[in-house]
Amino acid sequence: MKSFINEQCKENCLEVCGWLGSLSIITAYICITSETGNPLFIDSMNLYGSFSVGYLCYLKKVWQGMLLEVVWFGISSYSFIDHMID
């Protein structure tokens, strides 16, 4: 029984991280579109979102989604470093 509860908790935590990642990406997109927000904040939101959604895609073996998130993470990393230098 304890093993079942632990497994359910782990699965639910991963789902919550995936949803939070999706909301993070959507929030960053809204900030970019409305031209509001600190660029480092937006980059951080994209980094977190792409990592969490990509990790969930990896665990569920959704390779197309994972590829998209790996590319998104790479672009976000480049943008984050570029904004840090400026």
PDB file of N, CA and C in Angstrom:
ATOM      1  N   MET A   1       0.819  -1.192   0.000  1.00  0.00           N
ATOM      2  CA  MET A   1       0.000   0.000   0.000  1.00  0.00           C
ATOM      3  C   MET A   1       0.870   1.267   0.000  1.00  0.00           C
ATOM      4  N   LYS A   2       1.917   1.255   0.829  1.00  0.00           N
ATOM      5  CA  LYS A   2       2.810   2.412   0.911  1.00  0.00           C
ATOM      6  C   LYS A   2       3.501   2.646  -0.426  1.00  0.00           C
ATOM      7  N   SER A   3       3.881   1.574  -1.099  1.00  0.00           N
ATOM      8  CA  SER A   3       4.528   1.670  -2.404  1.00  0.00           C
ATOM      9  C   SER A   3       3.576   2.301  -3.422  1.00  0.00           C
ATOM     10  N   PHE A   4       2.309   1.917  -3.376  1.00  0.00           N
ATOM     11  CA  PHE A   4       1.312   2.466  -4.282  1.00  0.00           C
ATOM     12  C   PHE A   4       1.140   3.964  -4.047  1.00  0.00           C
ATOM     13  N   ILE A   5       1.080   4.369  -2.797  1.00  0.00           N
ATOM     14  CA  ILE A   5       0.922   5.783  -2.455  1.00  0.00           C
ATOM     15  C   ILE A   5       2.134   6.580  -2.919  1.00  0.00           C
ATOM     16  N   ASN A   6       3.319   6.046  -2.707  1.00  0.00           N
ATOM     17  CA  ASN A   6       4.548   6.724  -3.162  1.00  0.00           C
ATOM     18  C   ASN A   6       4.557   6.880  -4.678  1.00  0.00           C
ATOM     19  N   GLU A   7       4.132   5.842  -5.384  1.00  0.00           N
ATOM     20  CA  GLU A   7       4.118   5.885  -6.848  1.00  0.00           C
ATOM     21  C   GLU A   7       3.101   6.913  -7.347  1.00  0.00           C
ATOM     22  N   GLN A   8       1.931   6.954  -6.724  1.00  0.00           N
ATOM     23  CA  GLN A   8       0.909   7.935  -7.093  1.00  0.00           C
ATOM     24  C   GLN A   8       1.379   9.357  -6.818  1.00  0.00           C
ATOM     25  N   CYS A   9       2.029   9.557  -5.691  1.00  0.00           N
ATOM     26  CA  CYS A   9       2.557  10.880  -5.334  1.00  0.00           C
ATOM     27  C   CYS A   9       3.605  11.323  -6.350  1.00  0.00           C
ATOM     28  N   LYS A  10       4.489  10.410  -6.724  1.00  0.00           N
ATOM     29  CA  LYS A  10       5.526  10.720  -7.708  1.00  0.00           C
ATOM     30  C   LYS A  10       4.900  11.091  -9.049  1.00  0.00           C
ATOM     31  N   GLU A  11       3.914  10.315  -9.492  1.00  0.00           N
ATOM     32  CA  GLU A  11       3.244  10.586 -10.760  1.00  0.00           C
ATOM     33  C   GLU A  11       2.525  11.933 -10.724  1.00  0.00           C
ATOM     34  N   ASN A  12       1.835  12.214  -9.633  1.00  0.00           N
ATOM     35  CA  ASN A  12       1.124  13.486  -9.515  1.00  0.00           C
ATOM     36  C   ASN A  12       2.083  14.671  -9.476  1.00  0.00           C
ATOM     37  N   CYS A  13       3.209  14.529  -8.804  1.00  0.00           N
ATOM     38  CA  CYS A  13       4.206  15.605  -8.751  1.00  0.00           C
ATOM     39  C   CYS A  13       4.761  15.898 -10.140  1.00  0.00           C
ATOM     40  N   LEU A  14       5.014  14.841 -10.927  1.00  0.00           N
ATOM     41  CA  LEU A  14       5.501  15.042 -12.287  1.00  0.00           C
ATOM     42  C   LEU A  14       4.461  15.755 -13.146  1.00  0.00           C
ATOM     43  N   GLU A  15       3.200  15.382 -12.980  1.00  0.00           N
ATOM     44  CA  GLU A  15       2.132  16.043 -13.738  1.00  0.00           C
ATOM     45  C   GLU A  15       2.029  17.527 -13.365  1.00  0.00           C
ATOM     46  N   VAL A  16       2.141  17.825 -12.073  1.00  0.00           N
ATOM     47  CA  VAL A  16       2.089  19.221 -11.621  1.00  0.00           C
ATOM     48  C   VAL A  16       3.264  20.001 -12.205  1.00  0.00           C
ATOM     49  N   CYS A  17       4.451  19.410 -12.198  1.00  0.00           N
ATOM     50  CA  CYS A  17       5.623  20.085 -12.791  1.00  0.00           C
ATOM     51  C   CYS A  17       5.409  20.346 -14.274  1.00  0.00           C
ATOM     52  N   GLY A  18       4.805  19.393 -14.977  1.00  0.00           N
ATOM     53  CA  GLY A  18       4.509  19.576 -16.394  1.00  0.00           C
ATOM     54  C   GLY A  18       3.527  20.711 -16.627  1.00  0.00           C
ATOM     55  N   TRP A  19       2.466  20.759 -15.809  1.00  0.00           N
ATOM     56  CA  TRP A  19       1.486  21.842 -15.926  1.00  0.00           C
ATOM     57  C   TRP A  19       2.101  23.191 -15.587  1.00  0.00           C
ATOM     58  N   LEU A  20       2.903  23.241 -14.549  1.00  0.00           N
ATOM     59  CA  LEU A  20       3.568  24.497 -14.184  1.00  0.00           C
ATOM     60  C   LEU A  20       4.527  24.947 -15.283  1.00  0.00           C
ATOM     61  N   GLY A  21       5.206  23.984 -15.896  1.00  0.00           N
ATOM     62  CA  GLY A  21       6.087  24.307 -17.018  1.00  0.00           C
ATOM     63  C   GLY A  21       5.321  24.886 -18.194  1.00  0.00           C
ATOM     64  N   SER A  22       4.170  24.292 -18.489  1.00  0.00           N
ATOM     65  CA  SER A  22       3.335  24.810 -19.580  1.00  0.00           C
ATOM     66  C   SER A  22       2.858  26.227 -19.269  1.00  0.00           C
ATOM     67  N   LEU A  23       2.403  26.439 -18.049  1.00  0.00           N
ATOM     68  CA  LEU A  23       1.973  27.783 -17.647  1.00  0.00           C
ATOM     69  C   LEU A  23       3.127  28.780 -17.696  1.00  0.00           C
ATOM     70  N   SER A  24       4.318  28.317 -17.367  1.00  0.00           N
ATOM     71  CA  SER A  24       5.505  29.170 -17.410  1.00  0.00           C
ATOM     72  C   SER A  24       5.798  29.621 -18.846  1.00  0.00           C
ATOM     73  N   ILE A  25       5.728  28.696 -19.785  1.00  0.00           N
ATOM     74  CA  ILE A  25       5.971  29.025 -21.190  1.00  0.00           C
ATOM     75  C   ILE A  25       4.896  29.978 -21.707  1.00  0.00           C
ATOM     76  N   ILE A  26       3.649  29.714 -21.350  1.00  0.00           N
ATOM     77  CA  ILE A  26       2.549  30.585 -21.780  1.00  0.00           C
ATOM     78  C   ILE A  26       2.725  31.991 -21.207  1.00  0.00           C
ATOM     79  N   THR A  27       3.098  32.083 -19.934  1.00  0.00           N
ATOM     80  CA  THR A  27       3.319  33.387 -19.301  1.00  0.00           C
ATOM     81  C   THR A  27       4.449  34.143 -19.990  1.00  0.00           C
ATOM     82  N   ALA A  28       5.534  33.440 -20.295  1.00  0.00           N
ATOM     83  CA  ALA A  28       6.656  34.082 -20.991  1.00  0.00           C
ATOM     84  C   ALA A  28       6.213  34.583 -22.365  1.00  0.00           C
ATOM     85  N   TYR A  29       5.404  33.793 -23.053  1.00  0.00           N
ATOM     86  CA  TYR A  29       4.918  34.203 -24.376  1.00  0.00           C
ATOM     87  C   TYR A  29       4.033  35.442 -24.277  1.00  0.00           C
ATOM     88  N   ILE A  30       3.181  35.479 -23.267  1.00  0.00           N
ATOM     89  CA  ILE A  30       2.325  36.647 -23.058  1.00  0.00           C
ATOM     90  C   ILE A  30       3.174  37.881 -22.769  1.00  0.00           C
ATOM     91  N   CYS A  31       4.207  37.733 -21.950  1.00  0.00           N
ATOM     92  CA  CYS A  31       5.104  38.867 -21.638  1.00  0.00           C
ATOM     93  C   CYS A  31       5.810  39.374 -22.889  1.00  0.00           C
ATOM     94  N   ILE A  32       6.245  38.468 -23.739  1.00  0.00           N
ATOM     95  CA  ILE A  32       6.933  38.869 -24.969  1.00  0.00           C
ATOM     96  C   ILE A  32       5.962  39.567 -25.910  1.00  0.00           C
ATOM     97  N   THR A  33       4.781  39.001 -26.059  1.00  0.00           N
ATOM     98  CA  THR A  33       3.789  39.561 -26.970  1.00  0.00           C
ATOM     99  C   THR A  33       3.321  40.939 -26.528  1.00  0.00           C
ATOM    100  N   SER A  34       3.131  41.103 -25.219  1.00  0.00           N
ATOM    101  CA  SER A  34       2.661  42.395 -24.708  1.00  0.00           C
ATOM    102  C   SER A  34       3.811  43.364 -24.429  1.00  0.00           C
ATOM    103  N   GLU A  35       5.031  42.925 -24.713  1.00  0.00           N
ATOM    104  CA  GLU A  35       6.240  43.733 -24.532  1.00  0.00           C
ATOM    105  C   GLU A  35       6.376  44.245 -23.100  1.00  0.00           C
ATOM    106  N   THR A  36       6.092  43.375 -22.152  1.00  0.00           N
ATOM    107  CA  THR A  36       6.273  43.697 -20.737  1.00  0.00           C
ATOM    108  C   THR A  36       7.173  42.645 -20.115  1.00  0.00           C
ATOM    109  N   GLY A  37       7.745  42.974 -18.993  1.00  0.00           N
ATOM    110  CA  GLY A  37       8.553  42.003 -18.268  1.00  0.00           C
ATOM    111  C   GLY A  37      10.034  42.148 -18.534  1.00  0.00           C
ATOM    112  N   ASN A  38      10.796  41.746 -17.558  1.00  0.00           N
ATOM    113  CA  ASN A  38      12.247  41.745 -17.618  1.00  0.00           C
ATOM    114  C   ASN A  38      12.707  40.597 -18.520  1.00  0.00           C
ATOM    115  N   PRO A  39      13.610  40.855 -19.463  1.00  0.00           N
ATOM    116  CA  PRO A  39      14.073  39.782 -20.354  1.00  0.00           C
ATOM    117  C   PRO A  39      14.651  38.572 -19.601  1.00  0.00           C
ATOM    118  N   LEU A  40      15.350  38.808 -18.491  1.00  0.00           N
ATOM    119  CA  LEU A  40      15.897  37.676 -17.730  1.00  0.00           C
ATOM    120  C   LEU A  40      14.779  36.852 -17.088  1.00  0.00           C
ATOM    121  N   PHE A  41      13.726  37.518 -16.651  1.00  0.00           N
ATOM    122  CA  PHE A  41      12.571  36.812 -16.102  1.00  0.00           C
ATOM    123  C   PHE A  41      11.916  35.956 -17.184  1.00  0.00           C
ATOM    124  N   ILE A  42      11.747  36.529 -18.355  1.00  0.00           N
ATOM    125  CA  ILE A  42      11.137  35.793 -19.462  1.00  0.00           C
ATOM    126  C   ILE A  42      12.004  34.603 -19.846  1.00  0.00           C
ATOM    127  N   ASP A  43      13.313  34.811 -19.930  1.00  0.00           N
ATOM    128  CA  ASP A  43      14.222  33.704 -20.258  1.00  0.00           C
ATOM    129  C   ASP A  43      14.167  32.616 -19.189  1.00  0.00           C
ATOM    130  N   SER A  44      14.096  33.019 -17.930  1.00  0.00           N
ATOM    131  CA  SER A  44      14.016  32.042 -16.839  1.00  0.00           C
ATOM    132  C   SER A  44      12.731  31.227 -16.922  1.00  0.00           C
ATOM    133  N   MET A  45      11.634  31.902 -17.252  1.00  0.00           N
ATOM    134  CA  MET A  45      10.362  31.198 -17.404  1.00  0.00           C
ATOM    135  C   MET A  45      10.442  30.185 -18.547  1.00  0.00           C
ATOM    136  N   ASN A  46      11.048  30.592 -19.656  1.00  0.00           N
ATOM    137  CA  ASN A  46      11.208  29.671 -20.789  1.00  0.00           C
ATOM    138  C   ASN A  46      12.129  28.505 -20.439  1.00  0.00           C
ATOM    139  N   LEU A  47      13.210  28.775 -19.706  1.00  0.00           N
ATOM    140  CA  LEU A  47      14.122  27.696 -19.300  1.00  0.00           C
ATOM    141  C   LEU A  47      13.416  26.684 -18.417  1.00  0.00           C
ATOM    142  N   TYR A  48      12.727  27.179 -17.387  1.00  0.00           N
ATOM    143  CA  TYR A  48      12.013  26.261 -16.493  1.00  0.00           C
ATOM    144  C   TYR A  48      10.936  25.481 -17.244  1.00  0.00           C
ATOM    145  N   GLY A  49      10.158  26.203 -18.039  1.00  0.00           N
ATOM    146  CA  GLY A  49       9.068  25.559 -18.756  1.00  0.00           C
ATOM    147  C   GLY A  49       9.537  24.508 -19.732  1.00  0.00           C
ATOM    148  N   SER A  50      10.539  24.838 -20.522  1.00  0.00           N
ATOM    149  CA  SER A  50      11.019  23.873 -21.514  1.00  0.00           C
ATOM    150  C   SER A  50      11.676  22.665 -20.849  1.00  0.00           C
ATOM    151  N   PHE A  51      12.354  22.890 -19.727  1.00  0.00           N
ATOM    152  CA  PHE A  51      12.974  21.761 -19.026  1.00  0.00           C
ATOM    153  C   PHE A  51      11.917  20.844 -18.436  1.00  0.00           C
ATOM    154  N   SER A  52      10.943  21.421 -17.736  1.00  0.00           N
ATOM    155  CA  SER A  52       9.956  20.578 -17.064  1.00  0.00           C
ATOM    156  C   SER A  52       9.066  19.834 -18.061  1.00  0.00           C
ATOM    157  N   VAL A  53       8.630  20.493 -19.113  1.00  0.00           N
ATOM    158  CA  VAL A  53       7.804  19.822 -20.117  1.00  0.00           C
ATOM    159  C   VAL A  53       8.649  18.798 -20.883  1.00  0.00           C
ATOM    160  N   GLY A  54       9.885  19.161 -21.205  1.00  0.00           N
ATOM    161  CA  GLY A  54      10.771  18.224 -21.901  1.00  0.00           C
ATOM    162  C   GLY A  54      11.060  16.981 -21.086  1.00  0.00           C
ATOM    163  N   TYR A  55      11.262  17.144 -19.784  1.00  0.00           N
ATOM    164  CA  TYR A  55      11.519  15.998 -18.916  1.00  0.00           C
ATOM    165  C   TYR A  55      10.300  15.081 -18.849  1.00  0.00           C
ATOM    166  N   LEU A  56       9.129  15.672 -18.765  1.00  0.00           N
ATOM    167  CA  LEU A  56       7.904  14.884 -18.752  1.00  0.00           C
ATOM    168  C   LEU A  56       7.723  14.149 -20.080  1.00  0.00           C
ATOM    169  N   CYS A  57       8.025  14.810 -21.190  1.00  0.00           N
ATOM    170  CA  CYS A  57       7.965  14.151 -22.503  1.00  0.00           C
ATOM    171  C   CYS A  57       8.940  12.983 -22.568  1.00  0.00           C
ATOM    172  N   TYR A  58      10.126  13.170 -22.020  1.00  0.00           N
ATOM    173  CA  TYR A  58      11.131  12.096 -21.994  1.00  0.00           C
ATOM    174  C   TYR A  58      10.615  10.895 -21.207  1.00  0.00           C
ATOM    175  N   LEU A  59      10.056  11.150 -20.029  1.00  0.00           N
ATOM    176  CA  LEU A  59       9.560  10.049 -19.201  1.00  0.00           C
ATOM    177  C   LEU A  59       8.414   9.296 -19.875  1.00  0.00           C
ATOM    178  N   LYS A  60       7.596  10.014 -20.630  1.00  0.00           N
ATOM    179  CA  LYS A  60       6.438   9.395 -21.279  1.00  0.00           C
ATOM    180  C   LYS A  60       6.758   8.944 -22.702  1.00  0.00           C
ATOM    181  N   LYS A  61       8.030   9.111 -23.092  1.00  0.00           N
ATOM    182  CA  LYS A  61       8.506   8.711 -24.421  1.00  0.00           C
ATOM    183  C   LYS A  61       7.746   9.397 -25.560  1.00  0.00           C
ATOM    184  N   VAL A  62       7.520  10.699 -25.393  1.00  0.00           N
ATOM    185  CA  VAL A  62       6.907  11.522 -26.437  1.00  0.00           C
ATOM    186  C   VAL A  62       8.061  12.273 -27.106  1.00  0.00           C
ATOM    187  N   TRP A  63       8.667  11.631 -28.091  1.00  0.00           N
ATOM    188  CA  TRP A  63       9.927  12.127 -28.646  1.00  0.00           C
ATOM    189  C   TRP A  63       9.771  13.428 -29.432  1.00  0.00           C
ATOM    190  N   GLN A  64       8.651  13.615 -30.125  1.00  0.00           N
ATOM    191  CA  GLN A  64       8.456  14.862 -30.874  1.00  0.00           C
ATOM    192  C   GLN A  64       8.398  16.051 -29.917  1.00  0.00           C
ATOM    193  N   GLY A  65       7.642  15.914 -28.860  1.00  0.00           N
ATOM    194  CA  GLY A  65       7.546  16.980 -27.871  1.00  0.00           C
ATOM    195  C   GLY A  65       8.868  17.236 -27.180  1.00  0.00           C
ATOM    196  N   MET A  66       9.604  16.151 -26.896  1.00  0.00           N
ATOM    197  CA  MET A  66      10.899  16.313 -26.248  1.00  0.00           C
ATOM    198  C   MET A  66      11.875  17.064 -27.147  1.00  0.00           C
ATOM    199  N   LEU A  67      11.867  16.740 -28.442  1.00  0.00           N
ATOM    200  CA  LEU A  67      12.739  17.447 -29.379  1.00  0.00           C
ATOM    201  C   LEU A  67      12.416  18.938 -29.397  1.00  0.00           C
ATOM    202  N   LEU A  68      11.135  19.266 -29.447  1.00  0.00           N
ATOM    203  CA  LEU A  68      10.724  20.668 -29.421  1.00  0.00           C
ATOM    204  C   LEU A  68      11.222  21.360 -28.159  1.00  0.00           C
ATOM    205  N   GLU A  69      11.099  20.722 -27.022  1.00  0.00           N
ATOM    206  CA  GLU A  69      11.514  21.333 -25.756  1.00  0.00           C
ATOM    207  C   GLU A  69      13.030  21.436 -25.635  1.00  0.00           C
ATOM    208  N   VAL A  70      13.765  20.493 -26.204  1.00  0.00           N
ATOM    209  CA  VAL A  70      15.236  20.582 -26.198  1.00  0.00           C
ATOM    210  C   VAL A  70      15.673  21.791 -27.016  1.00  0.00           C
ATOM    211  N   VAL A  71      15.055  21.981 -28.172  1.00  0.00           N
ATOM    212  CA  VAL A  71      15.383  23.150 -29.004  1.00  0.00           C
ATOM    213  C   VAL A  71      14.980  24.430 -28.274  1.00  0.00           C
ATOM    214  N   TRP A  72      13.793  24.421 -27.666  1.00  0.00           N
ATOM    215  CA  TRP A  72      13.308  25.593 -26.916  1.00  0.00           C
ATOM    216  C   TRP A  72      14.268  25.926 -25.779  1.00  0.00           C
ATOM    217  N   PHE A  73      14.753  24.888 -25.084  1.00  0.00           N
ATOM    218  CA  PHE A  73      15.697  25.086 -23.982  1.00  0.00           C
ATOM    219  C   PHE A  73      17.010  25.682 -24.505  1.00  0.00           C
ATOM    220  N   GLY A  74      17.475  25.191 -25.639  1.00  0.00           N
ATOM    221  CA  GLY A  74      18.705  25.721 -26.228  1.00  0.00           C
ATOM    222  C   GLY A  74      18.581  27.183 -26.603  1.00  0.00           C
ATOM    223  N   ILE A  75      17.472  27.546 -27.235  1.00  0.00           N
ATOM    224  CA  ILE A  75      17.245  28.941 -27.609  1.00  0.00           C
ATOM    225  C   ILE A  75      17.123  29.812 -26.360  1.00  0.00           C
ATOM    226  N   SER A  76      16.410  29.306 -25.358  1.00  0.00           N
ATOM    227  CA  SER A  76      16.255  30.054 -24.106  1.00  0.00           C
ATOM    228  C   SER A  76      17.588  30.240 -23.402  1.00  0.00           C
ATOM    229  N   SER A  77      18.429  29.221 -23.431  1.00  0.00           N
ATOM    230  CA  SER A  77      19.756  29.314 -22.809  1.00  0.00           C
ATOM    231  C   SER A  77      20.597  30.382 -23.494  1.00  0.00           C
ATOM    232  N   TYR A  78      20.574  30.367 -24.820  1.00  0.00           N
ATOM    233  CA  TYR A  78      21.326  31.367 -25.578  1.00  0.00           C
ATOM    234  C   TYR A  78      20.831  32.771 -25.239  1.00  0.00           C
ATOM    235  N   SER A  79      19.509  32.942 -25.216  1.00  0.00           N
ATOM    236  CA  SER A  79      18.917  34.251 -24.920  1.00  0.00           C
ATOM    237  C   SER A  79      19.261  34.683 -23.490  1.00  0.00           C
ATOM    238  N   PHE A  80      19.208  33.751 -22.559  1.00  0.00           N
ATOM    239  CA  PHE A  80      19.536  34.066 -21.155  1.00  0.00           C
ATOM    240  C   PHE A  80      20.976  34.550 -21.035  1.00  0.00           C
ATOM    241  N   ILE A  81      21.897  33.834 -21.652  1.00  0.00           N
ATOM    242  CA  ILE A  81      23.318  34.214 -21.592  1.00  0.00           C
ATOM    243  C   ILE A  81      23.524  35.566 -22.274  1.00  0.00           C
ATOM    244  N   ASP A  82      22.859  35.760 -23.423  1.00  0.00           N
ATOM    245  CA  ASP A  82      22.968  37.025 -24.146  1.00  0.00           C
ATOM    246  C   ASP A  82      22.476  38.190 -23.298  1.00  0.00           C
ATOM    247  N   HIS A  83      21.363  38.000 -22.591  1.00  0.00           N
ATOM    248  CA  HIS A  83      20.845  39.068 -21.728  1.00  0.00           C
ATOM    249  C   HIS A  83      21.709  39.283 -20.488  1.00  0.00           C
ATOM    250  N   MET A  84      22.367  38.236 -20.022  1.00  0.00           N
ATOM    251  CA  MET A  84      23.263  38.381 -18.871  1.00  0.00           C
ATOM    252  C   MET A  84      24.484  39.211 -19.253  1.00  0.00           C
ATOM    253  N   ILE A  85      24.970  39.036 -20.458  1.00  0.00           N
ATOM    254  CA  ILE A  85      26.156  39.768 -20.917  1.00  0.00           C
ATOM    255  C   ILE A  85      25.831  41.253 -21.121  1.00  0.00           C
ATOM    256  N   ASP A  86      24.635  41.539 -21.628  1.00  0.00           N
ATOM    257  CA  ASP A  86      24.239  42.945 -21.905  1.00  0.00           C
ATOM    258  C   ASP A  86      24.111  43.744 -20.664  1.00  0.00           C
TER     259      ASP A  86
END
